[in-house]
Amino acid sequence: MSLPFDLSKPRVMGILNVTPDSFSDGGRFASLDDALRQAERMLAEGADILDIGGESTRPGAGAVSLDEEMTRVLPLVERLHAELGIPISVDTSKPELMREAIAAGAGMINDVTALSAPGAMAAVADAKVPVCLMHMLGEPRTMQTAPQYDDVLADIIHYMERRVAECVDGGIARGRLVLDPGFGFGKTLHHNLVLLRGLSAFQALGCLFL
């Protein structure tokens, strides 16, 4: 059973990528023991939540098969849940992994595609865990190739309005939704700064947000 998240106040999330190619820590924690030790360090340093990623979403990153992503993520989720007793988030866009990760003890799903994959919304609708919906323009392989918006803040708020409405219609309560505008995911530096200045505008959607 997953540990419940209390997201009523700010929380510190530790990022643990079990990938060979993530931009920050790719390849450093590929073994289960190394990943567990890093998780212990982040917990000791004040992390409230650990976010586990098995597929890099850095600019230019290639796709990873479902089997490979499951092999990277699920054993670590099981050990963290059993040994550390800290809430776990899993960063994935694959509905099959969402289901398996929640069953293994994950208490949050963090999806850079905002549950847009077929079956993703249904995978988490009955799980009663928080879900982070992120905005990304395009896909990791292409997202930083001259991204353009009519009005970056208005465009992303409109996107989030649609995704929130679709999630609520799909059985995911608004109070379970966390919104992430996706800094750096299909955005220039100018776009990022505009979003940062306009973050308060996302409050009108009635969800939590990063």
N, C-alpha and C. Protein backbone atom coordinates (compact mmCIF):
# COMPACT_ATOMS: atom_id res chain seq x y z
N MET A 1 0.85 -1.20 0.00
CA MET A 1 0.00 0.00 0.00
C MET A 1 0.88 1.24 0.00
N SER A 2 0.56 2.23 -0.85
CA SER A 2 1.37 3.44 -0.94
C SER A 2 1.16 4.33 0.28
N LEU A 3 2.20 5.12 0.57
CA LEU A 3 2.09 6.09 1.66
C LEU A 3 1.34 7.31 1.16
N PRO A 4 0.40 7.85 1.94
CA PRO A 4 -0.36 9.02 1.48
C PRO A 4 0.51 10.26 1.43
N PHE A 5 0.22 11.12 0.47
CA PHE A 5 0.90 12.41 0.34
C PHE A 5 0.01 13.49 0.93
N ASP A 6 0.59 14.34 1.74
CA ASP A 6 -0.10 15.56 2.16
C ASP A 6 0.53 16.70 1.38
N LEU A 7 -0.19 17.20 0.38
CA LEU A 7 0.33 18.26 -0.46
C LEU A 7 -0.29 19.61 -0.13
N SER A 8 -0.80 19.73 1.12
CA SER A 8 -1.43 20.98 1.52
C SER A 8 -0.40 22.06 1.84
N LYS A 9 0.86 21.68 1.90
CA LYS A 9 1.93 22.66 2.11
C LYS A 9 3.12 22.28 1.24
N PRO A 10 4.05 23.21 1.01
CA PRO A 10 5.18 22.90 0.12
C PRO A 10 5.98 21.69 0.61
N ARG A 11 6.43 20.88 -0.35
CA ARG A 11 7.21 19.68 -0.07
C ARG A 11 8.49 19.70 -0.91
N VAL A 12 9.54 19.09 -0.37
CA VAL A 12 10.81 18.98 -1.08
C VAL A 12 10.85 17.63 -1.79
N MET A 13 11.02 17.66 -3.10
CA MET A 13 11.08 16.43 -3.89
C MET A 13 12.52 16.15 -4.29
N GLY A 14 12.99 14.95 -3.97
CA GLY A 14 14.30 14.50 -4.43
C GLY A 14 14.14 13.74 -5.73
N ILE A 15 14.97 14.05 -6.71
CA ILE A 15 14.87 13.42 -8.04
C ILE A 15 15.93 12.33 -8.15
N LEU A 16 15.49 11.13 -8.46
CA LEU A 16 16.39 9.99 -8.57
C LEU A 16 16.15 9.32 -9.92
N ASN A 17 17.06 9.56 -10.86
CA ASN A 17 16.92 9.01 -12.21
C ASN A 17 17.74 7.74 -12.34
N VAL A 18 17.08 6.65 -12.69
CA VAL A 18 17.78 5.38 -12.88
C VAL A 18 17.90 5.13 -14.38
N THR A 19 18.61 6.05 -15.02
CA THR A 19 18.77 6.07 -16.47
C THR A 19 20.25 6.28 -16.79
N PRO A 20 20.68 5.91 -17.99
CA PRO A 20 22.07 6.19 -18.38
C PRO A 20 22.27 7.58 -18.97
N ASP A 21 21.18 8.32 -19.25
CA ASP A 21 21.31 9.52 -20.07
C ASP A 21 20.56 10.74 -19.57
N SER A 22 20.09 10.76 -18.32
CA SER A 22 19.46 11.98 -17.80
C SER A 22 20.51 13.07 -17.64
N PHE A 23 20.08 14.33 -17.80
CA PHE A 23 21.06 15.42 -17.87
C PHE A 23 21.77 15.67 -16.55
N SER A 24 21.13 15.35 -15.41
CA SER A 24 21.72 15.70 -14.12
C SER A 24 22.47 14.55 -13.47
N ASP A 25 21.90 13.35 -13.49
CA ASP A 25 22.51 12.24 -12.77
C ASP A 25 22.51 10.94 -13.56
N GLY A 26 22.41 11.04 -14.88
CA GLY A 26 22.33 9.86 -15.71
C GLY A 26 23.53 8.93 -15.54
N GLY A 27 23.26 7.66 -15.30
CA GLY A 27 24.30 6.66 -15.16
C GLY A 27 24.90 6.52 -13.78
N ARG A 28 24.63 7.45 -12.89
CA ARG A 28 25.28 7.41 -11.58
C ARG A 28 24.61 6.42 -10.63
N PHE A 29 23.33 6.14 -10.85
CA PHE A 29 22.59 5.30 -9.90
C PHE A 29 21.89 4.15 -10.62
N ALA A 30 22.62 3.55 -11.57
CA ALA A 30 22.02 2.48 -12.37
C ALA A 30 21.82 1.21 -11.55
N SER A 31 22.70 0.95 -10.59
CA SER A 31 22.52 -0.26 -9.78
C SER A 31 21.52 0.02 -8.66
N LEU A 32 20.85 -1.04 -8.24
CA LEU A 32 19.83 -0.90 -7.21
C LEU A 32 20.43 -0.40 -5.90
N ASP A 33 21.58 -0.91 -5.54
CA ASP A 33 22.22 -0.49 -4.29
C ASP A 33 22.65 0.97 -4.34
N ASP A 34 23.22 1.40 -5.47
CA ASP A 34 23.63 2.81 -5.60
C ASP A 34 22.41 3.72 -5.52
N ALA A 35 21.33 3.32 -6.16
CA ALA A 35 20.11 4.13 -6.13
C ALA A 35 19.55 4.21 -4.71
N LEU A 36 19.58 3.11 -3.99
CA LEU A 36 19.08 3.11 -2.63
C LEU A 36 19.91 4.01 -1.73
N ARG A 37 21.23 3.96 -1.89
CA ARG A 37 22.10 4.84 -1.07
C ARG A 37 21.84 6.31 -1.38
N GLN A 38 21.63 6.63 -2.67
CA GLN A 38 21.32 8.02 -3.01
C GLN A 38 19.99 8.43 -2.42
N ALA A 39 19.01 7.55 -2.44
CA ALA A 39 17.72 7.84 -1.82
C ALA A 39 17.89 8.12 -0.33
N GLU A 40 18.71 7.34 0.33
CA GLU A 40 18.96 7.54 1.76
C GLU A 40 19.61 8.89 2.01
N ARG A 41 20.56 9.29 1.11
CA ARG A 41 21.20 10.61 1.26
C ARG A 41 20.18 11.73 1.12
N MET A 42 19.32 11.64 0.11
CA MET A 42 18.33 12.69 -0.09
C MET A 42 17.34 12.76 1.07
N LEU A 43 16.98 11.61 1.60
CA LEU A 43 16.09 11.59 2.75
C LEU A 43 16.74 12.27 3.94
N ALA A 44 18.03 11.98 4.17
CA ALA A 44 18.76 12.59 5.28
C ALA A 44 18.91 14.10 5.09
N GLU A 45 18.93 14.55 3.84
CA GLU A 45 19.10 15.98 3.54
C GLU A 45 17.78 16.74 3.52
N GLY A 46 16.66 16.04 3.77
CA GLY A 46 15.39 16.75 3.92
C GLY A 46 14.34 16.48 2.87
N ALA A 47 14.56 15.52 1.99
CA ALA A 47 13.54 15.23 0.98
C ALA A 47 12.28 14.67 1.63
N ASP A 48 11.12 15.15 1.19
CA ASP A 48 9.84 14.64 1.66
C ASP A 48 9.27 13.58 0.72
N ILE A 49 9.65 13.66 -0.55
CA ILE A 49 9.14 12.80 -1.60
C ILE A 49 10.33 12.42 -2.50
N LEU A 50 10.36 11.19 -2.96
CA LEU A 50 11.36 10.78 -3.94
C LEU A 50 10.67 10.50 -5.27
N ASP A 51 11.17 11.13 -6.33
CA ASP A 51 10.60 10.97 -7.67
C ASP A 51 11.54 10.09 -8.48
N ILE A 52 11.05 8.93 -8.92
CA ILE A 52 11.87 7.95 -9.61
C ILE A 52 11.59 8.01 -11.10
N GLY A 53 12.64 8.19 -11.90
CA GLY A 53 12.48 8.26 -13.35
C GLY A 53 13.30 7.20 -14.05
N GLY A 54 12.67 6.45 -14.95
CA GLY A 54 13.36 5.40 -15.69
C GLY A 54 13.50 5.67 -17.17
N GLU A 55 13.09 6.86 -17.62
CA GLU A 55 13.23 7.26 -19.01
C GLU A 55 13.58 8.74 -19.06
N SER A 56 14.73 9.06 -19.63
CA SER A 56 15.16 10.45 -19.68
C SER A 56 14.23 11.28 -20.55
N THR A 57 13.95 12.50 -20.09
CA THR A 57 13.16 13.44 -20.88
C THR A 57 13.97 14.70 -21.19
N ARG A 58 15.30 14.60 -21.13
CA ARG A 58 16.14 15.74 -21.50
C ARG A 58 15.97 16.03 -22.99
N PRO A 59 16.30 17.24 -23.43
CA PRO A 59 16.21 17.54 -24.86
C PRO A 59 17.03 16.55 -25.69
N GLY A 60 16.41 15.99 -26.72
CA GLY A 60 17.08 15.05 -27.59
C GLY A 60 17.06 13.61 -27.13
N ALA A 61 16.46 13.33 -25.97
CA ALA A 61 16.46 11.96 -25.44
C ALA A 61 15.62 11.05 -26.31
N GLY A 62 16.07 9.80 -26.43
CA GLY A 62 15.32 8.80 -27.18
C GLY A 62 14.33 8.07 -26.28
N ALA A 63 13.40 7.38 -26.91
CA ALA A 63 12.38 6.65 -26.17
C ALA A 63 12.97 5.37 -25.58
N VAL A 64 12.33 4.88 -24.51
CA VAL A 64 12.72 3.64 -23.83
C VAL A 64 11.53 2.69 -23.88
N SER A 65 11.79 1.42 -24.08
CA SER A 65 10.71 0.44 -24.15
C SER A 65 10.04 0.29 -22.79
N LEU A 66 8.81 -0.18 -22.80
CA LEU A 66 8.09 -0.43 -21.56
C LEU A 66 8.84 -1.43 -20.69
N ASP A 67 9.32 -2.52 -21.27
CA ASP A 67 10.02 -3.53 -20.47
C ASP A 67 11.26 -2.96 -19.81
N GLU A 68 12.02 -2.15 -20.54
CA GLU A 68 13.23 -1.57 -19.97
C GLU A 68 12.90 -0.59 -18.85
N GLU A 69 11.90 0.23 -19.06
CA GLU A 69 11.53 1.20 -18.03
C GLU A 69 11.02 0.49 -16.77
N MET A 70 10.23 -0.55 -16.94
CA MET A 70 9.76 -1.31 -15.79
C MET A 70 10.92 -1.96 -15.04
N THR A 71 11.88 -2.51 -15.78
CA THR A 71 13.04 -3.16 -15.17
C THR A 71 13.84 -2.17 -14.35
N ARG A 72 13.94 -0.94 -14.81
CA ARG A 72 14.68 0.09 -14.10
C ARG A 72 13.94 0.58 -12.85
N VAL A 73 12.63 0.72 -12.97
CA VAL A 73 11.87 1.45 -11.94
C VAL A 73 11.28 0.56 -10.85
N LEU A 74 10.63 -0.52 -11.22
CA LEU A 74 9.82 -1.27 -10.26
C LEU A 74 10.63 -1.87 -9.10
N PRO A 75 11.79 -2.49 -9.34
CA PRO A 75 12.54 -3.02 -8.19
C PRO A 75 12.94 -1.94 -7.19
N LEU A 76 13.25 -0.74 -7.70
CA LEU A 76 13.63 0.35 -6.81
C LEU A 76 12.42 0.85 -6.01
N VAL A 77 11.29 0.99 -6.66
CA VAL A 77 10.08 1.40 -5.94
C VAL A 77 9.77 0.41 -4.83
N GLU A 78 9.86 -0.87 -5.13
CA GLU A 78 9.57 -1.89 -4.12
C GLU A 78 10.51 -1.80 -2.93
N ARG A 79 11.81 -1.59 -3.20
CA ARG A 79 12.78 -1.51 -2.08
C ARG A 79 12.62 -0.23 -1.28
N LEU A 80 12.41 0.89 -1.98
CA LEU A 80 12.23 2.15 -1.26
C LEU A 80 10.99 2.08 -0.37
N HIS A 81 9.93 1.53 -0.90
CA HIS A 81 8.69 1.42 -0.14
C HIS A 81 8.88 0.52 1.07
N ALA A 82 9.60 -0.56 0.90
CA ALA A 82 9.79 -1.52 1.98
C ALA A 82 10.80 -1.06 3.02
N GLU A 83 11.85 -0.34 2.59
CA GLU A 83 12.97 -0.08 3.49
C GLU A 83 13.04 1.34 4.04
N LEU A 84 12.54 2.33 3.29
CA LEU A 84 12.71 3.71 3.73
C LEU A 84 11.44 4.36 4.26
N GLY A 85 10.29 3.88 3.85
CA GLY A 85 9.05 4.46 4.36
C GLY A 85 8.86 5.91 4.00
N ILE A 86 9.23 6.28 2.77
CA ILE A 86 9.06 7.66 2.30
C ILE A 86 8.10 7.64 1.12
N PRO A 87 7.24 8.65 0.97
CA PRO A 87 6.36 8.69 -0.21
C PRO A 87 7.17 8.68 -1.51
N ILE A 88 6.67 7.98 -2.49
CA ILE A 88 7.37 7.79 -3.76
C ILE A 88 6.50 8.27 -4.91
N SER A 89 7.12 9.04 -5.79
CA SER A 89 6.49 9.46 -7.04
C SER A 89 7.21 8.74 -8.18
N VAL A 90 6.47 8.38 -9.21
CA VAL A 90 7.10 7.76 -10.38
C VAL A 90 6.83 8.63 -11.60
N ASP A 91 7.91 8.98 -12.28
CA ASP A 91 7.87 9.83 -13.47
C ASP A 91 7.77 8.92 -14.69
N THR A 92 6.58 8.82 -15.25
CA THR A 92 6.37 7.98 -16.43
C THR A 92 5.15 8.46 -17.19
N SER A 93 5.12 8.15 -18.48
CA SER A 93 3.94 8.44 -19.30
C SER A 93 3.26 7.15 -19.76
N LYS A 94 3.76 6.00 -19.30
CA LYS A 94 3.23 4.71 -19.75
C LYS A 94 2.20 4.18 -18.75
N PRO A 95 0.95 3.95 -19.18
CA PRO A 95 -0.10 3.53 -18.25
C PRO A 95 0.20 2.18 -17.58
N GLU A 96 0.84 1.27 -18.29
CA GLU A 96 1.15 -0.03 -17.70
C GLU A 96 2.08 0.13 -16.50
N LEU A 97 3.09 1.00 -16.64
CA LEU A 97 4.00 1.23 -15.53
C LEU A 97 3.32 1.99 -14.41
N MET A 98 2.43 2.91 -14.75
CA MET A 98 1.67 3.63 -13.71
C MET A 98 0.97 2.63 -12.80
N ARG A 99 0.26 1.69 -13.39
CA ARG A 99 -0.48 0.70 -12.60
C ARG A 99 0.47 -0.14 -11.73
N GLU A 100 1.53 -0.63 -12.34
CA GLU A 100 2.46 -1.50 -11.62
C GLU A 100 3.19 -0.73 -10.51
N ALA A 101 3.54 0.51 -10.78
CA ALA A 101 4.25 1.31 -9.77
C ALA A 101 3.36 1.61 -8.57
N ILE A 102 2.10 1.93 -8.83
CA ILE A 102 1.18 2.18 -7.72
C ILE A 102 0.99 0.91 -6.89
N ALA A 103 0.87 -0.22 -7.57
CA ALA A 103 0.73 -1.50 -6.86
C ALA A 103 1.98 -1.82 -6.04
N ALA A 104 3.14 -1.34 -6.49
CA ALA A 104 4.40 -1.61 -5.79
C ALA A 104 4.66 -0.64 -4.65
N GLY A 105 3.83 0.41 -4.53
CA GLY A 105 4.00 1.33 -3.41
C GLY A 105 4.12 2.80 -3.77
N ALA A 106 4.13 3.14 -5.06
CA ALA A 106 4.20 4.55 -5.44
C ALA A 106 2.92 5.26 -5.03
N GLY A 107 3.07 6.50 -4.52
CA GLY A 107 1.93 7.27 -4.06
C GLY A 107 1.63 8.48 -4.90
N MET A 108 2.34 8.63 -6.03
CA MET A 108 2.09 9.76 -6.93
C MET A 108 2.59 9.39 -8.32
N ILE A 109 1.90 9.87 -9.34
CA ILE A 109 2.35 9.72 -10.72
C ILE A 109 2.69 11.11 -11.25
N ASN A 110 3.86 11.20 -11.90
CA ASN A 110 4.36 12.45 -12.44
C ASN A 110 4.54 12.24 -13.94
N ASP A 111 3.66 12.84 -14.75
CA ASP A 111 3.63 12.55 -16.18
C ASP A 111 3.91 13.80 -16.99
N VAL A 112 5.03 13.80 -17.72
CA VAL A 112 5.40 14.96 -18.54
C VAL A 112 4.46 15.15 -19.72
N THR A 113 3.64 14.14 -20.03
CA THR A 113 2.67 14.28 -21.12
C THR A 113 1.25 14.49 -20.60
N ALA A 114 1.10 14.72 -19.31
CA ALA A 114 -0.20 15.08 -18.72
C ALA A 114 -1.28 14.04 -18.98
N LEU A 115 -0.92 12.76 -18.86
CA LEU A 115 -1.87 11.65 -19.03
C LEU A 115 -2.48 11.62 -20.43
N SER A 116 -1.69 11.98 -21.42
CA SER A 116 -2.23 12.03 -22.78
C SER A 116 -2.12 10.70 -23.52
N ALA A 117 -1.31 9.75 -23.02
CA ALA A 117 -1.19 8.46 -23.68
C ALA A 117 -2.49 7.67 -23.54
N PRO A 118 -2.88 6.92 -24.55
CA PRO A 118 -4.09 6.11 -24.43
C PRO A 118 -4.04 5.19 -23.21
N GLY A 119 -5.07 5.27 -22.38
CA GLY A 119 -5.14 4.43 -21.20
C GLY A 119 -4.52 5.02 -19.96
N ALA A 120 -3.77 6.13 -20.08
CA ALA A 120 -3.08 6.68 -18.91
C ALA A 120 -4.07 7.22 -17.89
N MET A 121 -5.09 7.91 -18.33
CA MET A 121 -6.05 8.48 -17.40
C MET A 121 -6.79 7.38 -16.63
N ALA A 122 -7.18 6.34 -17.35
CA ALA A 122 -7.87 5.23 -16.70
C ALA A 122 -6.96 4.50 -15.72
N ALA A 123 -5.66 4.49 -16.02
CA ALA A 123 -4.72 3.77 -15.17
C ALA A 123 -4.64 4.34 -13.76
N VAL A 124 -4.87 5.65 -13.64
CA VAL A 124 -4.75 6.28 -12.32
C VAL A 124 -6.09 6.73 -11.74
N ALA A 125 -7.15 6.64 -12.51
CA ALA A 125 -8.43 7.19 -12.06
C ALA A 125 -8.91 6.55 -10.77
N ASP A 126 -8.71 5.24 -10.62
CA ASP A 126 -9.21 4.54 -9.44
C ASP A 126 -8.18 4.41 -8.33
N ALA A 127 -6.99 4.94 -8.55
CA ALA A 127 -5.90 4.70 -7.60
C ALA A 127 -5.90 5.65 -6.41
N LYS A 128 -6.59 6.78 -6.54
CA LYS A 128 -6.70 7.76 -5.45
C LYS A 128 -5.35 8.35 -5.05
N VAL A 129 -4.41 8.45 -6.00
CA VAL A 129 -3.12 9.07 -5.71
C VAL A 129 -3.03 10.40 -6.45
N PRO A 130 -2.23 11.35 -5.97
CA PRO A 130 -2.03 12.59 -6.71
C PRO A 130 -1.37 12.33 -8.05
N VAL A 131 -1.65 13.21 -9.01
CA VAL A 131 -1.09 13.10 -10.35
C VAL A 131 -0.58 14.47 -10.77
N CYS A 132 0.67 14.52 -11.20
CA CYS A 132 1.24 15.77 -11.70
C CYS A 132 1.10 15.81 -13.21
N LEU A 133 0.42 16.83 -13.71
CA LEU A 133 0.23 17.05 -15.14
C LEU A 133 1.21 18.12 -15.60
N MET A 134 2.11 17.76 -16.50
CA MET A 134 3.08 18.74 -17.00
C MET A 134 2.79 19.11 -18.43
N HIS A 135 3.14 20.33 -18.81
CA HIS A 135 3.03 20.76 -20.20
C HIS A 135 4.38 20.58 -20.88
N MET A 136 4.34 19.97 -22.05
CA MET A 136 5.53 19.85 -22.89
C MET A 136 5.13 20.11 -24.33
N LEU A 137 5.87 20.94 -25.02
CA LEU A 137 5.59 21.21 -26.43
C LEU A 137 6.34 20.18 -27.26
N GLY A 138 5.60 19.31 -27.94
CA GLY A 138 6.25 18.27 -28.73
C GLY A 138 6.69 17.11 -27.86
N GLU A 139 7.88 16.58 -28.12
CA GLU A 139 8.43 15.46 -27.38
C GLU A 139 9.90 15.75 -27.11
N PRO A 140 10.51 15.00 -26.18
CA PRO A 140 11.89 15.33 -25.81
C PRO A 140 12.85 15.44 -26.99
N ARG A 141 12.68 14.61 -28.02
CA ARG A 141 13.61 14.65 -29.15
C ARG A 141 13.55 15.96 -29.91
N THR A 142 12.40 16.65 -29.86
CA THR A 142 12.21 17.82 -30.72
C THR A 142 11.81 19.09 -29.97
N MET A 143 11.56 19.00 -28.66
CA MET A 143 10.88 20.09 -27.97
C MET A 143 11.66 21.40 -27.94
N GLN A 144 12.98 21.35 -28.03
CA GLN A 144 13.76 22.59 -27.98
C GLN A 144 14.15 23.09 -29.37
N THR A 145 13.51 22.56 -30.40
CA THR A 145 13.78 23.03 -31.76
C THR A 145 12.85 24.18 -32.09
N ALA A 146 13.32 25.39 -31.79
CA ALA A 146 12.58 26.63 -32.08
C ALA A 146 11.14 26.60 -31.58
N PRO A 147 10.91 26.41 -30.27
CA PRO A 147 9.53 26.42 -29.75
C PRO A 147 8.89 27.79 -29.90
N GLN A 148 7.60 27.80 -30.29
CA GLN A 148 6.89 29.05 -30.51
C GLN A 148 5.49 28.97 -29.91
N TYR A 149 5.01 30.11 -29.40
CA TYR A 149 3.68 30.25 -28.83
C TYR A 149 3.09 31.57 -29.28
N ASP A 150 1.77 31.65 -29.33
CA ASP A 150 1.13 32.95 -29.53
C ASP A 150 1.30 33.80 -28.28
N ASP A 151 1.02 33.20 -27.13
CA ASP A 151 1.17 33.83 -25.82
C ASP A 151 1.45 32.68 -24.86
N VAL A 152 2.70 32.52 -24.45
CA VAL A 152 3.10 31.30 -23.74
C VAL A 152 2.28 31.08 -22.47
N LEU A 153 2.03 32.12 -21.70
CA LEU A 153 1.27 31.95 -20.46
C LEU A 153 -0.17 31.58 -20.76
N ALA A 154 -0.82 32.32 -21.65
CA ALA A 154 -2.22 32.03 -21.98
C ALA A 154 -2.36 30.67 -22.64
N ASP A 155 -1.41 30.32 -23.51
CA ASP A 155 -1.49 29.04 -24.21
C ASP A 155 -1.40 27.87 -23.23
N ILE A 156 -0.50 27.97 -22.26
CA ILE A 156 -0.32 26.85 -21.33
C ILE A 156 -1.46 26.79 -20.32
N ILE A 157 -1.97 27.93 -19.89
CA ILE A 157 -3.14 27.91 -19.01
C ILE A 157 -4.33 27.29 -19.73
N HIS A 158 -4.50 27.62 -21.00
CA HIS A 158 -5.60 27.03 -21.77
C HIS A 158 -5.41 25.51 -21.90
N TYR A 159 -4.18 25.09 -22.15
CA TYR A 159 -3.88 23.65 -22.22
C TYR A 159 -4.23 22.97 -20.91
N MET A 160 -3.82 23.58 -19.79
CA MET A 160 -4.09 22.98 -18.49
C MET A 160 -5.59 22.97 -18.17
N GLU A 161 -6.30 24.00 -18.58
CA GLU A 161 -7.76 24.00 -18.39
C GLU A 161 -8.39 22.78 -19.06
N ARG A 162 -7.96 22.51 -20.29
CA ARG A 162 -8.51 21.36 -21.01
C ARG A 162 -8.13 20.05 -20.34
N ARG A 163 -6.87 19.91 -19.94
CA ARG A 163 -6.43 18.66 -19.34
C ARG A 163 -7.12 18.43 -17.99
N VAL A 164 -7.26 19.47 -17.20
CA VAL A 164 -7.93 19.34 -15.90
C VAL A 164 -9.38 18.91 -16.12
N ALA A 165 -10.07 19.56 -17.04
CA ALA A 165 -11.47 19.20 -17.31
C ALA A 165 -11.59 17.76 -17.77
N GLU A 166 -10.68 17.32 -18.63
CA GLU A 166 -10.72 15.94 -19.12
C GLU A 166 -10.43 14.95 -18.00
N CYS A 167 -9.49 15.30 -17.12
CA CYS A 167 -9.18 14.41 -15.99
C CYS A 167 -10.37 14.31 -15.03
N VAL A 168 -10.99 15.43 -14.74
CA VAL A 168 -12.16 15.41 -13.85
C VAL A 168 -13.27 14.58 -14.48
N ASP A 169 -13.51 14.77 -15.76
CA ASP A 169 -14.52 13.96 -16.46
C ASP A 169 -14.15 12.48 -16.45
N GLY A 170 -12.84 12.20 -16.41
CA GLY A 170 -12.37 10.83 -16.41
C GLY A 170 -12.29 10.19 -15.05
N GLY A 171 -12.74 10.90 -14.01
CA GLY A 171 -12.80 10.31 -12.69
C GLY A 171 -11.68 10.66 -11.75
N ILE A 172 -10.84 11.63 -12.11
CA ILE A 172 -9.75 12.06 -11.24
C ILE A 172 -10.15 13.38 -10.58
N ALA A 173 -10.30 13.38 -9.29
CA ALA A 173 -10.77 14.57 -8.58
C ALA A 173 -9.78 15.72 -8.75
N ARG A 174 -10.32 16.92 -8.87
CA ARG A 174 -9.49 18.11 -9.05
C ARG A 174 -8.45 18.24 -7.94
N GLY A 175 -8.82 17.85 -6.73
CA GLY A 175 -7.89 17.96 -5.60
C GLY A 175 -6.70 17.03 -5.68
N ARG A 176 -6.73 16.06 -6.59
CA ARG A 176 -5.60 15.15 -6.79
C ARG A 176 -4.63 15.64 -7.85
N LEU A 177 -4.96 16.74 -8.53
CA LEU A 177 -4.17 17.20 -9.66
C LEU A 177 -3.16 18.27 -9.25
N VAL A 178 -1.94 18.08 -9.68
CA VAL A 178 -0.85 19.03 -9.47
C VAL A 178 -0.39 19.48 -10.85
N LEU A 179 -0.29 20.78 -11.06
CA LEU A 179 0.05 21.31 -12.38
C LEU A 179 1.49 21.79 -12.43
N ASP A 180 2.15 21.45 -13.52
CA ASP A 180 3.55 21.83 -13.75
C ASP A 180 3.63 22.47 -15.14
N PRO A 181 3.95 23.76 -15.24
CA PRO A 181 4.00 24.40 -16.56
C PRO A 181 5.13 23.90 -17.44
N GLY A 182 6.06 23.13 -16.90
CA GLY A 182 7.09 22.51 -17.73
C GLY A 182 8.20 23.45 -18.15
N PHE A 183 8.82 24.10 -17.18
CA PHE A 183 9.95 24.97 -17.50
C PHE A 183 11.01 24.18 -18.27
N GLY A 184 11.43 24.73 -19.41
CA GLY A 184 12.48 24.09 -20.20
C GLY A 184 12.02 22.98 -21.12
N PHE A 185 10.75 22.62 -21.06
CA PHE A 185 10.24 21.56 -21.91
C PHE A 185 9.50 22.19 -23.10
N GLY A 186 10.25 22.52 -24.12
CA GLY A 186 9.68 23.22 -25.26
C GLY A 186 9.48 24.69 -24.98
N LYS A 187 10.43 25.28 -24.27
CA LYS A 187 10.38 26.71 -23.94
C LYS A 187 11.77 27.32 -24.06
N THR A 188 11.82 28.55 -24.54
CA THR A 188 13.06 29.31 -24.53
C THR A 188 13.25 29.94 -23.14
N LEU A 189 14.39 30.56 -22.93
CA LEU A 189 14.61 31.27 -21.68
C LEU A 189 13.54 32.34 -21.48
N HIS A 190 13.19 33.06 -22.54
CA HIS A 190 12.15 34.08 -22.44
C HIS A 190 10.82 33.46 -22.01
N HIS A 191 10.44 32.34 -22.64
CA HIS A 191 9.20 31.67 -22.25
C HIS A 191 9.22 31.29 -20.77
N ASN A 192 10.34 30.75 -20.32
CA ASN A 192 10.45 30.34 -18.91
C ASN A 192 10.25 31.51 -17.97
N LEU A 193 10.85 32.65 -18.30
CA LEU A 193 10.73 33.83 -17.44
C LEU A 193 9.30 34.36 -17.42
N VAL A 194 8.63 34.33 -18.56
CA VAL A 194 7.23 34.77 -18.61
C VAL A 194 6.38 33.86 -17.73
N LEU A 195 6.60 32.56 -17.82
CA LEU A 195 5.84 31.62 -16.99
C LEU A 195 6.13 31.82 -15.51
N LEU A 196 7.37 32.06 -15.18
CA LEU A 196 7.73 32.26 -13.77
C LEU A 196 7.03 33.48 -13.21
N ARG A 197 6.99 34.56 -13.98
CA ARG A 197 6.32 35.78 -13.52
C ARG A 197 4.81 35.58 -13.42
N GLY A 198 4.27 34.68 -14.23
CA GLY A 198 2.83 34.51 -14.26
C GLY A 198 2.31 33.31 -13.52
N LEU A 199 3.12 32.69 -12.67
CA LEU A 199 2.70 31.46 -11.99
C LEU A 199 1.39 31.60 -11.23
N SER A 200 1.17 32.75 -10.63
CA SER A 200 -0.04 32.91 -9.82
C SER A 200 -1.32 32.75 -10.65
N ALA A 201 -1.22 32.93 -11.96
CA ALA A 201 -2.40 32.79 -12.81
C ALA A 201 -2.93 31.36 -12.81
N PHE A 202 -2.07 30.39 -12.51
CA PHE A 202 -2.52 28.99 -12.49
C PHE A 202 -3.43 28.69 -11.31
N GLN A 203 -3.42 29.55 -10.30
CA GLN A 203 -4.28 29.31 -9.13
C GLN A 203 -5.76 29.28 -9.50
N ALA A 204 -6.11 29.98 -10.55
CA ALA A 204 -7.52 30.05 -10.96
C ALA A 204 -8.06 28.68 -11.38
N LEU A 205 -7.17 27.72 -11.67
CA LEU A 205 -7.62 26.40 -12.10
C LEU A 205 -8.03 25.52 -10.94
N GLY A 206 -7.79 25.97 -9.72
CA GLY A 206 -8.26 25.23 -8.55
C GLY A 206 -7.49 23.97 -8.24
N CYS A 207 -6.24 23.88 -8.70
CA CYS A 207 -5.38 22.74 -8.41
C CYS A 207 -4.13 23.23 -7.71
N LEU A 208 -3.38 22.29 -7.16
CA LEU A 208 -2.03 22.59 -6.68
C LEU A 208 -1.13 22.76 -7.89
N PHE A 209 -0.01 23.44 -7.72
CA PHE A 209 0.90 23.57 -8.85
C PHE A 209 2.32 23.69 -8.36
N LEU A 210 3.25 23.24 -9.24
CA LEU A 210 4.68 23.33 -8.95
C LEU A 210 5.20 24.70 -9.32
